[in-house]
N, C-alpha and C. Protein backbone atom coordinates (compact mmCIF):
# COMPACT_ATOMS: atom_id res chain seq x y z
N UNK A 1 6.02 36.68 -27.25
CA UNK A 1 5.78 37.06 -28.65
C UNK A 1 6.73 36.69 -29.52
N UNK A 2 6.44 36.13 -30.92
CA UNK A 2 7.62 35.72 -31.52
C UNK A 2 8.37 36.95 -31.96
N UNK A 3 9.64 36.64 -32.62
CA UNK A 3 10.62 37.82 -33.06
C UNK A 3 9.77 38.35 -34.32
N UNK A 4 9.09 37.64 -35.23
CA UNK A 4 8.66 38.34 -36.23
C UNK A 4 7.35 39.43 -35.96
N UNK A 5 6.54 38.86 -34.84
CA UNK A 5 5.53 39.81 -34.38
C UNK A 5 6.19 41.05 -33.63
N UNK A 6 7.42 40.90 -32.79
CA UNK A 6 8.17 41.93 -32.19
C UNK A 6 8.63 42.94 -33.33
N UNK A 7 9.19 42.52 -34.35
CA UNK A 7 9.79 43.32 -35.20
C UNK A 7 8.65 44.05 -35.93
N UNK A 8 7.56 43.36 -36.13
CA UNK A 8 6.28 44.22 -36.92
C UNK A 8 5.75 45.24 -35.74
N UNK A 9 5.46 44.81 -34.42
CA UNK A 9 5.26 45.82 -33.48
C UNK A 9 5.94 46.81 -33.47
N UNK A 10 7.42 46.71 -33.62
CA UNK A 10 8.39 47.85 -33.59
C UNK A 10 8.23 48.82 -34.83
N UNK A 11 7.92 48.25 -35.86
CA UNK A 11 7.88 48.87 -37.18
C UNK A 11 6.53 49.75 -36.91
N UNK A 12 5.53 49.22 -36.42
CA UNK A 12 4.34 49.98 -36.44
C UNK A 12 4.21 51.05 -35.33
N UNK A 13 5.13 50.78 -34.20
CA UNK A 13 5.36 51.86 -33.15
C UNK A 13 6.11 52.72 -33.87
N UNK A 14 6.99 52.52 -34.84
CA UNK A 14 7.99 53.76 -35.38
C UNK A 14 6.93 54.28 -36.37
N UNK A 15 6.01 53.81 -37.23
CA UNK A 15 5.51 54.59 -37.89
C UNK A 15 4.22 55.46 -37.08
N UNK A 16 3.75 54.98 -36.17
CA UNK A 16 2.99 55.73 -35.17
C UNK A 16 3.61 56.85 -34.64
N UNK A 17 4.84 56.67 -34.36
CA UNK A 17 5.67 57.96 -33.43
C UNK A 17 5.92 58.83 -34.47
N UNK A 18 6.04 58.54 -35.97
CA UNK A 18 6.18 59.72 -36.91
C UNK A 18 4.83 60.40 -37.07
N UNK A 19 3.46 59.67 -36.92
CA UNK A 19 2.49 60.22 -37.08
C UNK A 19 2.20 60.33 -38.42
N UNK A 20 2.73 59.20 -39.37
CA UNK A 20 2.35 59.27 -40.62
C UNK A 20 1.06 58.75 -41.04
N UNK A 21 0.45 59.50 -42.00
CA UNK A 21 -1.16 58.97 -42.49
C UNK A 21 -2.22 59.15 -41.08
N UNK A 22 -1.88 60.16 -40.36
CA UNK A 22 -2.96 60.35 -39.25
C UNK A 22 -2.74 59.15 -38.22
N UNK A 23 -1.84 58.43 -38.33
CA UNK A 23 -1.95 57.24 -37.28
C UNK A 23 -1.57 57.83 -35.83
N UNK A 24 -2.28 57.41 -34.77
CA UNK A 24 -2.03 57.92 -33.53
C UNK A 24 -0.88 57.06 -32.79
N UNK A 25 -0.05 57.86 -32.11
CA UNK A 25 1.01 56.86 -31.42
C UNK A 25 0.48 55.94 -30.49
N UNK A 26 0.68 54.82 -30.90
CA UNK A 26 0.01 53.63 -30.06
C UNK A 26 0.77 52.33 -30.22
N UNK A 27 0.35 51.61 -29.36
CA UNK A 27 0.78 50.11 -29.56
C UNK A 27 -0.51 49.44 -28.82
N UNK A 28 -0.99 48.70 -29.88
CA UNK A 28 -2.09 47.82 -29.54
C UNK A 28 -3.28 48.45 -29.43
N UNK A 29 -3.31 49.59 -29.88
CA UNK A 29 -4.49 50.52 -29.70
C UNK A 29 -4.89 51.34 -28.68
N UNK A 30 -3.74 51.42 -27.71
CA UNK A 30 -3.68 52.18 -26.55
C UNK A 30 -2.72 53.61 -26.57
N UNK A 31 -3.08 54.51 -26.54
CA UNK A 31 -2.20 55.73 -26.76
C UNK A 31 -0.95 55.70 -25.96
N UNK A 32 0.11 56.13 -26.74
CA UNK A 32 1.47 56.40 -25.88
C UNK A 32 1.35 56.88 -24.42
N UNK A 33 2.14 56.63 -23.75
CA UNK A 33 1.90 57.23 -22.23
C UNK A 33 2.54 58.78 -22.22
N UNK A 34 3.67 58.84 -22.88
CA UNK A 34 4.10 60.10 -23.07
C UNK A 34 5.04 60.33 -24.19
N UNK A 35 5.37 61.64 -24.57
CA UNK A 35 6.32 62.02 -25.38
C UNK A 35 6.94 63.48 -25.28
N UNK A 36 7.89 63.53 -25.81
CA UNK A 36 8.41 65.01 -25.96
C UNK A 36 9.25 65.26 -27.39
N UNK A 37 9.33 66.49 -27.90
CA UNK A 37 10.01 66.64 -29.08
C UNK A 37 11.09 67.93 -28.71
N UNK A 38 12.28 67.72 -29.54
CA UNK A 38 13.44 68.54 -29.24
C UNK A 38 14.25 68.79 -30.29
N UNK A 39 15.39 69.03 -30.27
CA UNK A 39 16.54 69.16 -31.14
C UNK A 39 17.71 68.90 -30.54
N UNK A 40 18.86 68.55 -31.13
CA UNK A 40 20.34 68.39 -30.60
C UNK A 40 21.33 69.35 -31.23
N UNK A 41 21.92 70.08 -30.56
CA UNK A 41 23.03 71.00 -30.95
C UNK A 41 24.41 70.71 -30.54
N UNK A 42 25.33 70.50 -31.15
CA UNK A 42 26.60 70.30 -30.90
C UNK A 42 26.88 69.13 -29.79
N UNK A 43 26.13 68.09 -29.83
CA UNK A 43 26.33 66.90 -28.86
C UNK A 43 27.77 66.12 -29.05
N UNK A 44 28.56 65.85 -28.06
CA UNK A 44 29.62 65.10 -28.11
C UNK A 44 29.26 64.01 -27.21
N UNK A 45 30.10 62.93 -27.27
CA UNK A 45 30.26 61.78 -26.26
C UNK A 45 30.89 62.59 -24.97
N UNK A 46 30.03 62.21 -23.90
CA UNK A 46 28.70 61.59 -23.43
C UNK A 46 27.86 62.24 -23.06
N UNK A 47 27.24 63.24 -23.85
CA UNK A 47 26.15 64.30 -23.59
C UNK A 47 24.83 63.32 -23.42
N UNK A 48 24.00 63.93 -22.29
CA UNK A 48 22.73 63.38 -21.89
C UNK A 48 21.46 64.08 -22.31
N UNK A 49 20.48 63.52 -22.66
CA UNK A 49 19.09 64.03 -22.86
C UNK A 49 18.55 64.55 -21.43
N UNK A 50 17.45 65.22 -21.65
CA UNK A 50 16.42 65.47 -20.42
C UNK A 50 16.05 64.28 -20.02
N UNK A 51 15.48 64.21 -18.76
CA UNK A 51 14.93 63.27 -18.11
C UNK A 51 13.52 63.14 -18.18
N UNK A 52 12.83 62.06 -18.42
CA UNK A 52 11.31 61.85 -18.45
C UNK A 52 10.84 60.75 -17.33
N UNK A 53 9.78 60.88 -16.96
CA UNK A 53 9.20 59.81 -16.02
C UNK A 53 8.14 59.04 -16.83
N UNK A 54 8.45 57.71 -16.77
CA UNK A 54 7.72 56.62 -17.34
C UNK A 54 7.05 55.98 -16.30
N UNK A 55 5.63 55.87 -16.22
CA UNK A 55 4.71 55.19 -15.09
C UNK A 55 4.79 53.71 -15.45
N UNK A 56 4.95 53.39 -16.65
CA UNK A 56 4.88 52.00 -17.24
C UNK A 56 3.32 51.88 -17.02
N UNK A 57 2.51 52.61 -17.41
CA UNK A 57 1.04 52.30 -17.43
C UNK A 57 0.72 51.50 -18.65
N UNK A 58 1.45 51.57 -19.56
CA UNK A 58 1.17 50.84 -20.94
C UNK A 58 2.33 50.05 -21.43
N UNK A 59 2.08 49.09 -22.33
CA UNK A 59 3.25 48.28 -22.64
C UNK A 59 3.82 48.87 -24.00
N UNK A 60 3.84 50.28 -24.13
CA UNK A 60 4.47 50.92 -25.30
C UNK A 60 6.06 50.77 -25.21
N UNK A 61 6.58 50.52 -26.35
CA UNK A 61 8.05 50.60 -26.59
C UNK A 61 8.39 52.14 -26.30
N UNK A 62 9.61 52.26 -25.68
CA UNK A 62 10.36 53.46 -25.56
C UNK A 62 11.07 53.63 -26.94
N UNK A 63 10.98 54.81 -27.75
CA UNK A 63 11.57 55.03 -28.90
C UNK A 63 12.14 56.20 -29.05
N UNK A 64 13.26 56.45 -29.88
CA UNK A 64 13.80 57.77 -30.32
C UNK A 64 13.74 58.00 -31.76
N UNK A 65 13.38 59.03 -32.20
CA UNK A 65 13.14 59.42 -33.63
C UNK A 65 14.19 60.72 -33.97
N UNK A 66 14.99 60.65 -34.82
CA UNK A 66 15.80 61.65 -35.37
C UNK A 66 15.53 62.07 -36.88
N UNK A 67 15.64 63.13 -37.28
CA UNK A 67 15.33 63.76 -38.70
C UNK A 67 16.26 64.90 -38.62
N UNK A 68 16.92 65.05 -39.75
CA UNK A 68 17.81 66.32 -40.22
C UNK A 68 19.06 66.01 -39.53
N UNK A 69 19.67 65.00 -39.83
CA UNK A 69 21.07 64.69 -38.91
C UNK A 69 22.20 65.23 -39.73
N UNK A 70 23.25 65.70 -38.83
CA UNK A 70 24.44 66.12 -39.37
C UNK A 70 25.53 65.90 -38.16
N UNK A 71 26.81 65.71 -38.86
CA UNK A 71 28.06 65.63 -38.07
C UNK A 71 28.96 66.65 -38.48
N UNK A 72 30.06 66.82 -37.82
CA UNK A 72 31.07 67.65 -38.13
C UNK A 72 32.09 67.26 -39.29
N UNK A 73 31.76 65.86 -39.51
CA UNK A 73 32.66 65.36 -40.68
C UNK A 73 32.31 65.67 -42.05
N UNK A 74 32.87 66.72 -42.56
CA UNK A 74 32.32 67.35 -43.93
C UNK A 74 32.53 66.21 -45.00
N UNK A 75 33.63 65.38 -44.91
CA UNK A 75 33.98 64.31 -45.91
C UNK A 75 32.86 63.27 -46.09
N UNK A 76 32.62 62.69 -45.02
CA UNK A 76 31.80 61.32 -44.83
C UNK A 76 30.34 61.72 -44.40
N UNK A 77 30.14 62.87 -43.59
CA UNK A 77 28.75 63.21 -43.36
C UNK A 77 28.23 62.32 -42.15
N UNK A 78 27.14 62.45 -41.52
CA UNK A 78 26.43 61.70 -40.66
C UNK A 78 26.10 60.15 -40.80
N UNK A 79 26.75 59.55 -40.09
CA UNK A 79 26.54 57.93 -40.24
C UNK A 79 25.68 57.53 -39.15
N UNK A 80 25.98 57.48 -37.88
CA UNK A 80 24.77 57.04 -36.83
C UNK A 80 25.39 57.79 -35.69
N UNK A 81 24.42 57.55 -34.59
CA UNK A 81 24.71 58.08 -33.38
C UNK A 81 24.37 56.73 -32.46
N UNK A 82 25.41 56.33 -31.69
CA UNK A 82 24.94 55.19 -30.68
C UNK A 82 24.32 55.93 -29.48
N UNK A 83 23.21 55.56 -29.04
CA UNK A 83 22.31 55.97 -27.87
C UNK A 83 22.00 54.82 -26.97
N UNK A 84 22.51 55.15 -25.60
CA UNK A 84 22.07 54.34 -24.68
C UNK A 84 21.05 54.70 -23.82
N UNK A 85 20.06 53.88 -23.64
CA UNK A 85 18.57 54.30 -22.80
C UNK A 85 19.13 54.03 -21.27
N UNK A 86 18.81 55.01 -20.29
CA UNK A 86 19.28 54.56 -18.91
C UNK A 86 17.91 54.97 -18.09
N UNK A 87 17.95 54.14 -17.07
CA UNK A 87 17.25 54.46 -15.94
C UNK A 87 18.00 54.92 -14.82
N UNK A 88 17.17 56.12 -14.37
CA UNK A 88 18.00 56.91 -13.44
C UNK A 88 17.87 56.28 -12.05
N UNK A 89 18.95 55.67 -11.28
CA UNK A 89 18.75 55.13 -9.97
C UNK A 89 19.23 56.22 -8.88
N UNK A 90 18.38 56.59 -8.02
CA UNK A 90 18.90 57.56 -7.18
C UNK A 90 19.99 57.40 -6.25
N UNK A 91 19.95 56.12 -5.52
CA UNK A 91 21.07 55.76 -4.69
C UNK A 91 22.14 54.75 -5.19
N UNK A 92 22.19 54.33 -6.45
CA UNK A 92 22.89 53.42 -7.02
C UNK A 92 23.23 53.77 -8.31
N UNK A 93 24.07 52.87 -8.87
CA UNK A 93 24.50 53.39 -10.52
C UNK A 93 23.32 53.08 -11.34
N UNK A 94 22.98 54.14 -12.32
CA UNK A 94 21.91 54.00 -13.24
C UNK A 94 21.93 52.67 -14.08
N UNK A 95 20.76 52.25 -14.40
CA UNK A 95 20.61 50.92 -15.13
C UNK A 95 20.52 50.97 -16.46
N UNK A 96 21.38 50.48 -17.45
CA UNK A 96 21.39 50.56 -18.75
C UNK A 96 20.07 49.74 -19.39
N UNK A 97 19.47 50.17 -20.33
CA UNK A 97 18.24 49.51 -20.92
C UNK A 97 18.51 49.06 -22.31
N UNK A 98 19.98 49.31 -22.73
CA UNK A 98 20.31 48.90 -24.03
C UNK A 98 20.92 50.02 -24.89
N UNK A 99 21.60 49.85 -25.85
CA UNK A 99 22.40 50.71 -26.69
C UNK A 99 21.83 50.36 -28.18
N UNK A 100 21.67 51.31 -29.02
CA UNK A 100 21.10 51.15 -30.19
C UNK A 100 21.82 52.28 -31.07
N UNK A 101 21.85 51.91 -32.44
CA UNK A 101 22.52 53.13 -33.30
C UNK A 101 21.37 53.75 -34.03
N UNK A 102 21.38 54.72 -34.11
CA UNK A 102 20.19 55.55 -34.78
C UNK A 102 21.02 56.38 -36.03
N UNK A 103 20.23 55.79 -37.09
CA UNK A 103 20.94 56.12 -38.42
C UNK A 103 20.16 57.14 -39.09
N UNK A 104 19.65 58.03 -38.31
CA UNK A 104 18.80 59.11 -38.80
C UNK A 104 17.47 58.77 -39.06
N UNK A 105 16.75 58.11 -38.01
CA UNK A 105 15.44 57.57 -38.15
C UNK A 105 14.89 57.05 -36.76
N UNK A 106 14.11 55.80 -36.69
CA UNK A 106 13.47 55.50 -35.57
C UNK A 106 14.40 54.30 -35.10
N UNK A 107 14.62 54.09 -33.67
CA UNK A 107 15.11 53.13 -32.97
C UNK A 107 14.37 52.95 -31.64
N UNK A 108 14.13 51.69 -31.43
CA UNK A 108 13.33 51.54 -30.16
C UNK A 108 13.93 50.48 -29.31
N UNK A 109 13.70 50.70 -28.09
CA UNK A 109 14.20 49.91 -26.83
C UNK A 109 13.38 48.87 -26.31
N UNK A 110 12.11 48.66 -26.98
CA UNK A 110 11.35 47.50 -26.12
C UNK A 110 10.64 48.35 -25.23
N UNK A 111 9.71 47.58 -24.45
CA UNK A 111 9.19 47.94 -23.33
C UNK A 111 10.07 47.95 -22.01
N UNK A 112 10.53 49.13 -21.43
CA UNK A 112 11.35 48.91 -20.39
C UNK A 112 10.85 48.06 -19.34
N UNK A 113 9.63 48.05 -19.27
CA UNK A 113 8.89 47.18 -18.12
C UNK A 113 9.20 47.60 -16.63
N UNK A 114 9.51 48.75 -16.18
CA UNK A 114 9.98 49.32 -15.19
C UNK A 114 9.72 50.80 -14.90
N UNK A 115 8.75 51.21 -14.04
CA UNK A 115 8.54 52.50 -13.85
C UNK A 115 9.66 53.21 -13.37
N UNK A 116 10.15 54.41 -13.88
CA UNK A 116 11.01 55.23 -13.36
C UNK A 116 11.13 56.47 -14.30
N UNK A 117 12.42 57.17 -13.73
CA UNK A 117 12.95 58.12 -14.55
C UNK A 117 14.13 57.84 -15.61
N UNK A 118 13.80 58.27 -16.92
CA UNK A 118 14.79 57.67 -18.04
C UNK A 118 15.31 59.17 -18.59
N UNK A 119 16.54 58.65 -19.26
CA UNK A 119 17.14 59.63 -20.16
C UNK A 119 17.93 58.66 -21.32
N UNK A 120 18.40 59.33 -22.29
CA UNK A 120 19.39 58.89 -23.10
C UNK A 120 20.54 59.48 -23.20
N UNK A 121 21.60 58.72 -23.45
CA UNK A 121 22.95 59.42 -23.83
C UNK A 121 23.77 59.00 -24.92
N UNK A 122 24.45 60.08 -25.58
CA UNK A 122 25.13 59.71 -26.71
C UNK A 122 26.40 58.93 -26.35
N UNK A 123 26.62 57.76 -27.02
CA UNK A 123 27.87 56.91 -26.39
C UNK A 123 28.77 56.78 -27.58
N UNK A 124 28.52 57.18 -28.84
CA UNK A 124 29.45 57.04 -30.04
C UNK A 124 28.90 57.90 -30.98
N UNK A 125 29.64 58.15 -32.05
CA UNK A 125 29.30 58.92 -33.25
C UNK A 125 29.93 58.04 -34.37
N UNK A 126 29.36 57.58 -35.19
CA UNK A 126 29.91 56.99 -36.60
C UNK A 126 30.75 57.82 -37.47
N UNK A 127 30.60 59.08 -37.48
CA UNK A 127 31.67 59.93 -38.27
C UNK A 127 31.69 61.32 -37.45
N UNK A 128 33.01 61.89 -37.11
CA UNK A 128 33.20 63.15 -36.54
C UNK A 128 33.17 63.08 -35.19
N UNK A 129 32.95 63.98 -34.74
CA UNK A 129 33.42 64.34 -33.14
C UNK A 129 31.82 64.69 -32.54
N UNK A 130 31.19 65.48 -33.26
CA UNK A 130 29.76 65.74 -32.72
C UNK A 130 28.60 65.86 -33.73
N UNK A 131 27.35 65.83 -33.19
CA UNK A 131 25.96 65.94 -33.88
C UNK A 131 25.09 66.93 -33.83
N UNK A 132 24.38 67.16 -34.68
CA UNK A 132 23.42 68.15 -34.77
C UNK A 132 21.89 67.30 -35.36
N UNK A 133 21.10 67.59 -34.70
CA UNK A 133 19.85 66.65 -35.06
C UNK A 133 18.67 67.78 -35.19
N UNK A 134 18.14 68.21 -36.39
CA UNK A 134 17.13 69.04 -36.37
C UNK A 134 15.68 68.76 -35.52
N UNK A 135 15.50 67.58 -35.75
CA UNK A 135 14.17 67.15 -34.79
C UNK A 135 14.43 65.99 -34.23
N UNK A 136 14.03 65.92 -32.82
CA UNK A 136 14.13 64.66 -32.14
C UNK A 136 12.85 64.54 -31.41
N UNK A 137 12.26 63.14 -31.52
CA UNK A 137 11.14 62.93 -30.83
C UNK A 137 11.20 61.62 -30.02
N UNK A 138 10.93 61.72 -28.65
CA UNK A 138 11.00 60.56 -27.88
C UNK A 138 9.58 60.25 -27.05
N UNK A 139 9.48 59.06 -27.31
CA UNK A 139 8.07 58.69 -26.93
C UNK A 139 8.12 57.39 -26.11
N UNK A 140 7.01 57.13 -25.06
CA UNK A 140 7.26 56.07 -24.14
C UNK A 140 5.88 55.52 -23.72
């Protein structure tokens, strides 16, 4: 797939993840395999999310959406949160699937192309020491 088509697919997956205009979370017309919604309170590096199982039944991208982002830096405010997607490996070190900066919106990690148990971890904060996020949506 060309870079332009991947970017377009990522953008469409982000729009689908948000549910704007009644679009169903999908990639190429297939419903997302799974999702959950939550919030983040007082996260500092290296806090981890809950874990979820991805059967890799679809070719959907794994994505994380943030809305209502704040940090403890009153002067500069929220800038970004560095998030690393991990595959949990029971008898070996967990495998990184990449790190992305979330600027209070959508980030995707592509299709992990690997069934397993996943989580994301906060690995950096643009401003301040902790973050609060009012709304978090993870889809895969």
